[in-house]
């Protein structure tokens, strides 16, 4: 497997774990009445490749599940990311 593929997989694993962690941390902060993680930050992590982690975090922590920005937005981001990958693979002939 080429090194760049390994690097991409490591990056995706890290950003998805971070997104899931942020969802859980924001839920914890909400329960304790602490300063929250901005929604923009959570969405930016999803756009950066962490949409699967965001969806897992929403499911596991029951967090942001009633906000359309999240229950529609994060799956839409995932679909867009998949479409980009398919487009790149078709464009490069792989």
C-alpha atoms as a PDB file:
ATOM      1  CA  UNK A   1       0.000   0.000   0.000  1.00  0.00           C
ATOM      2  CA  UNK A   2       1.454   3.411  -0.940  1.00  0.00           C
ATOM      3  CA  UNK A   3       2.574   5.681   1.901  1.00  0.00           C
ATOM      4  CA  UNK A   4       0.146   8.429   0.908  1.00  0.00           C
ATOM      5  CA  UNK A   5      -2.784   6.018   1.306  1.00  0.00           C
ATOM      6  CA  UNK A   6      -1.573   5.087   4.787  1.00  0.00           C
ATOM      7  CA  UNK A   7      -1.195   8.787   5.640  1.00  0.00           C
ATOM      8  CA  UNK A   8      -4.740   9.510   4.438  1.00  0.00           C
ATOM      9  CA  UNK A   9      -6.152   6.602   6.468  1.00  0.00           C
ATOM     10  CA  UNK A  10      -4.303   7.722   9.605  1.00  0.00           C
ATOM     11  CA  UNK A  11      -5.574  11.279   9.085  1.00  0.00           C
ATOM     12  CA  UNK A  12      -9.166  10.095   8.628  1.00  0.00           C
ATOM     13  CA  UNK A  13      -8.986   7.885  11.708  1.00  0.00           C
ATOM     14  CA  UNK A  14      -7.626  10.780  13.774  1.00  0.00           C
ATOM     15  CA  UNK A  15     -10.138  13.388  12.568  1.00  0.00           C
ATOM     16  CA  UNK A  16     -13.061  10.990  13.038  1.00  0.00           C
ATOM     17  CA  UNK A  17     -11.938  10.099  16.554  1.00  0.00           C
ATOM     18  CA  UNK A  18     -11.482  13.801  17.348  1.00  0.00           C
ATOM     19  CA  UNK A  19     -14.953  14.638  16.023  1.00  0.00           C
ATOM     20  CA  UNK A  20     -16.549  11.861  18.065  1.00  0.00           C
ATOM     21  CA  UNK A  21     -14.603  12.995  21.147  1.00  0.00           C
ATOM     22  CA  UNK A  22     -15.720  16.610  20.643  1.00  0.00           C
ATOM     23  CA  UNK A  23     -19.361  15.510  20.413  1.00  0.00           C
ATOM     24  CA  UNK A  24     -19.037  13.618  23.690  1.00  0.00           C
ATOM     25  CA  UNK A  25     -17.166  16.466  25.363  1.00  0.00           C
ATOM     26  CA  UNK A  26     -19.767  19.008  24.260  1.00  0.00           C
ATOM     27  CA  UNK A  27     -22.538  16.788  25.643  1.00  0.00           C
ATOM     28  CA  UNK A  28     -20.657  16.526  28.946  1.00  0.00           C
ATOM     29  CA  UNK A  29     -20.215  20.302  29.048  1.00  0.00           C
ATOM     30  CA  UNK A  30     -23.911  20.822  28.301  1.00  0.00           C
ATOM     31  CA  UNK A  31     -24.955  18.579  31.189  1.00  0.00           C
ATOM     32  CA  UNK A  32     -22.635  20.428  33.585  1.00  0.00           C
ATOM     33  CA  UNK A  33     -23.553  23.915  32.411  1.00  0.00           C
ATOM     34  CA  UNK A  34     -19.998  24.640  31.253  1.00  0.00           C
ATOM     35  CA  UNK A  35     -18.739  26.642  28.282  1.00  0.00           C
ATOM     36  CA  UNK A  36     -19.784  24.774  25.116  1.00  0.00           C
ATOM     37  CA  UNK A  37     -17.913  23.838  21.961  1.00  0.00           C
ATOM     38  CA  UNK A  38     -19.235  26.052  19.142  1.00  0.00           C
ATOM     39  CA  UNK A  39     -21.468  24.281  16.612  1.00  0.00           C
ATOM     40  CA  UNK A  40     -19.266  25.728  13.893  1.00  0.00           C
ATOM     41  CA  UNK A  41     -16.275  23.825  15.301  1.00  0.00           C
ATOM     42  CA  UNK A  42     -18.187  20.545  15.353  1.00  0.00           C
ATOM     43  CA  UNK A  43     -19.297  21.058  11.749  1.00  0.00           C
ATOM     44  CA  UNK A  44     -15.814  22.078  10.609  1.00  0.00           C
ATOM     45  CA  UNK A  45     -14.405  18.838  11.998  1.00  0.00           C
ATOM     46  CA  UNK A  46     -17.089  16.941  10.063  1.00  0.00           C
ATOM     47  CA  UNK A  47     -16.197  18.817   6.861  1.00  0.00           C
ATOM     48  CA  UNK A  48     -12.510  18.094   7.468  1.00  0.00           C
ATOM     49  CA  UNK A  49     -13.276  14.384   7.072  1.00  0.00           C
ATOM     50  CA  UNK A  50     -14.816  13.561  10.436  1.00  0.00           C
ATOM     51  CA  UNK A  51     -18.415  13.077   9.343  1.00  0.00           C
ATOM     52  CA  UNK A  52     -18.484   9.387  10.310  1.00  0.00           C
ATOM     53  CA  UNK A  53     -17.111  10.242  13.757  1.00  0.00           C
ATOM     54  CA  UNK A  54     -19.720  12.982  14.043  1.00  0.00           C
ATOM     55  CA  UNK A  55     -22.517  10.569  13.221  1.00  0.00           C
ATOM     56  CA  UNK A  56     -21.174   8.014  15.690  1.00  0.00           C
ATOM     57  CA  UNK A  57     -20.828  10.714  18.350  1.00  0.00           C
ATOM     58  CA  UNK A  58     -24.392  11.882  17.750  1.00  0.00           C
ATOM     59  CA  UNK A  59     -25.646   8.322  18.124  1.00  0.00           C
ATOM     60  CA  UNK A  60     -23.525   7.234  21.093  1.00  0.00           C
ATOM     61  CA  UNK A  61     -23.901  10.440  23.126  1.00  0.00           C
ATOM     62  CA  UNK A  62     -27.441  11.315  21.921  1.00  0.00           C
ATOM     63  CA  UNK A  63     -26.114  14.759  21.125  1.00  0.00           C
ATOM     64  CA  UNK A  64     -27.370  17.258  18.527  1.00  0.00           C
ATOM     65  CA  UNK A  65     -29.837  14.675  17.249  1.00  0.00           C
ATOM     66  CA  UNK A  66     -32.725  17.172  17.094  1.00  0.00           C
ATOM     67  CA  UNK A  67     -30.812  19.934  15.338  1.00  0.00           C
ATOM     68  CA  UNK A  68     -31.408  19.832  11.542  1.00  0.00           C
ATOM     69  CA  UNK A  69     -28.007  21.415  11.046  1.00  0.00           C
ATOM     70  CA  UNK A  70     -26.571  18.173  12.427  1.00  0.00           C
ATOM     71  CA  UNK A  71     -29.028  15.349  11.714  1.00  0.00           C
ATOM     72  CA  UNK A  72     -29.274  16.482   8.088  1.00  0.00           C
ATOM     73  CA  UNK A  73     -25.966  18.311   7.712  1.00  0.00           C
ATOM     74  CA  UNK A  74     -23.511  15.674   8.859  1.00  0.00           C
ATOM     75  CA  UNK A  75     -24.955  12.855   6.698  1.00  0.00           C
ATOM     76  CA  UNK A  76     -25.027  15.331   3.777  1.00  0.00           C
ATOM     77  CA  UNK A  77     -21.357  16.094   4.389  1.00  0.00           C
ATOM     78  CA  UNK A  78     -20.602  12.356   4.370  1.00  0.00           C
ATOM     79  CA  UNK A  79     -22.456  11.901   1.072  1.00  0.00           C
ATOM     80  CA  UNK A  80     -20.557  14.837  -0.430  1.00  0.00           C
ATOM     81  CA  UNK A  81     -17.227  13.403   0.771  1.00  0.00           C
ATOM     82  CA  UNK A  82     -18.052  10.012  -0.753  1.00  0.00           C
ATOM     83  CA  UNK A  83     -19.022  11.709  -4.026  1.00  0.00           C
ATOM     84  CA  UNK A  84     -15.699  13.572  -4.095  1.00  0.00           C
ATOM     85  CA  UNK A  85     -13.745  10.351  -3.521  1.00  0.00           C
ATOM     86  CA  UNK A  86     -15.690   8.567  -6.270  1.00  0.00           C
ATOM     87  CA  UNK A  87     -15.111  11.517  -8.584  1.00  0.00           C
ATOM     88  CA  UNK A  88     -11.376  11.508  -7.885  1.00  0.00           C
ATOM     89  CA  UNK A  89     -11.158   7.758  -8.436  1.00  0.00           C
ATOM     90  CA  UNK A  90     -13.054   8.005 -11.734  1.00  0.00           C
ATOM     91  CA  UNK A  91     -10.993  10.995 -12.868  1.00  0.00           C
ATOM     92  CA  UNK A  92      -7.713   9.224 -12.130  1.00  0.00           C
ATOM     93  CA  UNK A  93      -8.968   6.012 -13.783  1.00  0.00           C
ATOM     94  CA  UNK A  94      -8.770   3.790 -10.704  1.00  0.00           C
END
